[in-house]
Amino acid sequence: MSVTCQTPEATQMQRITIRLPEQQLEMIDYMVAQGEFPSASEAIRTAVRELIDDRGEKLLRRSEILSAMS
């Protein structure tokens, strides 16, 4: 397991606005109500982290492979 130390700059949050279908918002609210997440913001941050972990690694590897082939 690797541990990443974050600088204070890395932990600063930016506010964004997104639009989600009502059904997704209801499910997020349900998860918060059930204690899965402390807030809707934390639920969405978790989803974004998981997306980055899953797809970000694949994109970086693909980019490295393409760079090596050039």
C-alpha atoms as a PDB file:
ATOM      1  CA  MET A   1       0.000   0.000   0.000  1.00  0.00           C
ATOM      2  CA  SER A   2       1.327   3.429  -0.859  1.00  0.00           C
ATOM      3  CA  VAL A   3       0.655   6.577   1.090  1.00  0.00           C
ATOM      4  CA  THR A   4       0.530   9.944  -0.613  1.00  0.00           C
ATOM      5  CA  CYS A   5       1.202  13.063   1.402  1.00  0.00           C
ATOM      6  CA  GLN A   6      -0.828  16.001   0.235  1.00  0.00           C
ATOM      7  CA  THR A   7       0.369  19.553   0.409  1.00  0.00           C
ATOM      8  CA  PRO A   8      -2.029  22.169   1.761  1.00  0.00           C
ATOM      9  CA  GLU A   9      -2.586  23.341  -1.824  1.00  0.00           C
ATOM     10  CA  ALA A  10      -3.707  19.847  -2.864  1.00  0.00           C
ATOM     11  CA  THR A  11      -6.412  19.750  -0.201  1.00  0.00           C
ATOM     12  CA  GLN A  12      -8.046  23.045  -1.147  1.00  0.00           C
ATOM     13  CA  MET A  13     -11.519  22.498  -2.544  1.00  0.00           C
ATOM     14  CA  GLN A  14     -13.109  24.244  -5.477  1.00  0.00           C
ATOM     15  CA  ARG A  15     -16.854  24.615  -5.860  1.00  0.00           C
ATOM     16  CA  ILE A  16     -18.459  23.383  -9.066  1.00  0.00           C
ATOM     17  CA  THR A  17     -22.038  23.160 -10.285  1.00  0.00           C
ATOM     18  CA  ILE A  18     -23.367  19.984 -11.875  1.00  0.00           C
ATOM     19  CA  ARG A  19     -26.738  18.832 -13.098  1.00  0.00           C
ATOM     20  CA  LEU A  20     -27.920  15.330 -12.216  1.00  0.00           C
ATOM     21  CA  PRO A  21     -31.151  13.497 -12.971  1.00  0.00           C
ATOM     22  CA  GLU A  22     -33.671  13.519 -10.117  1.00  0.00           C
ATOM     23  CA  GLN A  23     -33.353   9.738  -9.681  1.00  0.00           C
ATOM     24  CA  GLN A  24     -29.598  10.024  -9.050  1.00  0.00           C
ATOM     25  CA  LEU A  25     -30.091  12.872  -6.574  1.00  0.00           C
ATOM     26  CA  GLU A  26     -32.712  10.846  -4.730  1.00  0.00           C
ATOM     27  CA  MET A  27     -30.333   7.889  -4.462  1.00  0.00           C
ATOM     28  CA  ILE A  28     -27.532  10.132  -3.155  1.00  0.00           C
ATOM     29  CA  ASP A  29     -29.923  11.594  -0.578  1.00  0.00           C
ATOM     30  CA  TYR A  30     -30.985   8.070   0.391  1.00  0.00           C
ATOM     31  CA  MET A  31     -27.360   6.994   0.864  1.00  0.00           C
ATOM     32  CA  VAL A  32     -26.751  10.022   3.074  1.00  0.00           C
ATOM     33  CA  ALA A  33     -29.929   9.326   5.071  1.00  0.00           C
ATOM     34  CA  GLN A  34     -28.816   5.705   5.552  1.00  0.00           C
ATOM     35  CA  GLY A  35     -25.441   6.833   6.882  1.00  0.00           C
ATOM     36  CA  GLU A  36     -23.345   5.663   3.919  1.00  0.00           C
ATOM     37  CA  PHE A  37     -21.943   9.184   3.530  1.00  0.00           C
ATOM     38  CA  PRO A  38     -21.945  12.212   5.820  1.00  0.00           C
ATOM     39  CA  SER A  39     -23.141  14.482   2.993  1.00  0.00           C
ATOM     40  CA  ALA A  40     -24.094  14.546  -0.674  1.00  0.00           C
ATOM     41  CA  SER A  41     -20.811  16.341  -1.387  1.00  0.00           C
ATOM     42  CA  GLU A  42     -18.806  13.495   0.158  1.00  0.00           C
ATOM     43  CA  ALA A  43     -20.791  10.926  -1.840  1.00  0.00           C
ATOM     44  CA  ILE A  44     -20.015  12.776  -5.072  1.00  0.00           C
ATOM     45  CA  ARG A  45     -16.334  13.241  -4.124  1.00  0.00           C
ATOM     46  CA  THR A  46     -16.125   9.479  -3.525  1.00  0.00           C
ATOM     47  CA  ALA A  47     -17.675   8.791  -6.927  1.00  0.00           C
ATOM     48  CA  VAL A  48     -15.218  11.155  -8.623  1.00  0.00           C
ATOM     49  CA  ARG A  49     -12.235   9.562  -6.806  1.00  0.00           C
ATOM     50  CA  GLU A  50     -13.393   6.114  -7.931  1.00  0.00           C
ATOM     51  CA  LEU A  51     -13.808   7.344 -11.522  1.00  0.00           C
ATOM     52  CA  ILE A  52     -10.315   8.845 -11.512  1.00  0.00           C
ATOM     53  CA  ASP A  53      -8.826   5.717  -9.936  1.00  0.00           C
ATOM     54  CA  ASP A  54     -10.501   3.497 -12.520  1.00  0.00           C
ATOM     55  CA  ARG A  55     -10.245   5.476 -15.744  1.00  0.00           C
ATOM     56  CA  GLY A  56      -7.401   7.837 -14.937  1.00  0.00           C
ATOM     57  CA  GLU A  57      -4.892   5.005 -14.516  1.00  0.00           C
ATOM     58  CA  LYS A  58      -6.002   3.453 -17.824  1.00  0.00           C
ATOM     59  CA  LEU A  59      -5.649   6.766 -19.653  1.00  0.00           C
ATOM     60  CA  LEU A  60      -2.205   7.419 -18.185  1.00  0.00           C
ATOM     61  CA  ARG A  61      -1.008   3.946 -19.191  1.00  0.00           C
ATOM     62  CA  ARG A  62      -2.428   4.370 -22.696  1.00  0.00           C
ATOM     63  CA  SER A  63      -0.749   7.772 -22.995  1.00  0.00           C
ATOM     64  CA  GLU A  64       2.604   6.323 -21.843  1.00  0.00           C
ATOM     65  CA  ILE A  65       2.333   3.486 -24.360  1.00  0.00           C
ATOM     66  CA  LEU A  66       1.522   5.896 -27.195  1.00  0.00           C
ATOM     67  CA  SER A  67       4.396   8.180 -26.200  1.00  0.00           C
ATOM     68  CA  ALA A  68       6.803   5.238 -26.181  1.00  0.00           C
ATOM     69  CA  MET A  69       5.672   4.246 -29.677  1.00  0.00           C
ATOM     70  CA  SER A  70       6.336   7.723 -31.126  1.00  0.00           C
END
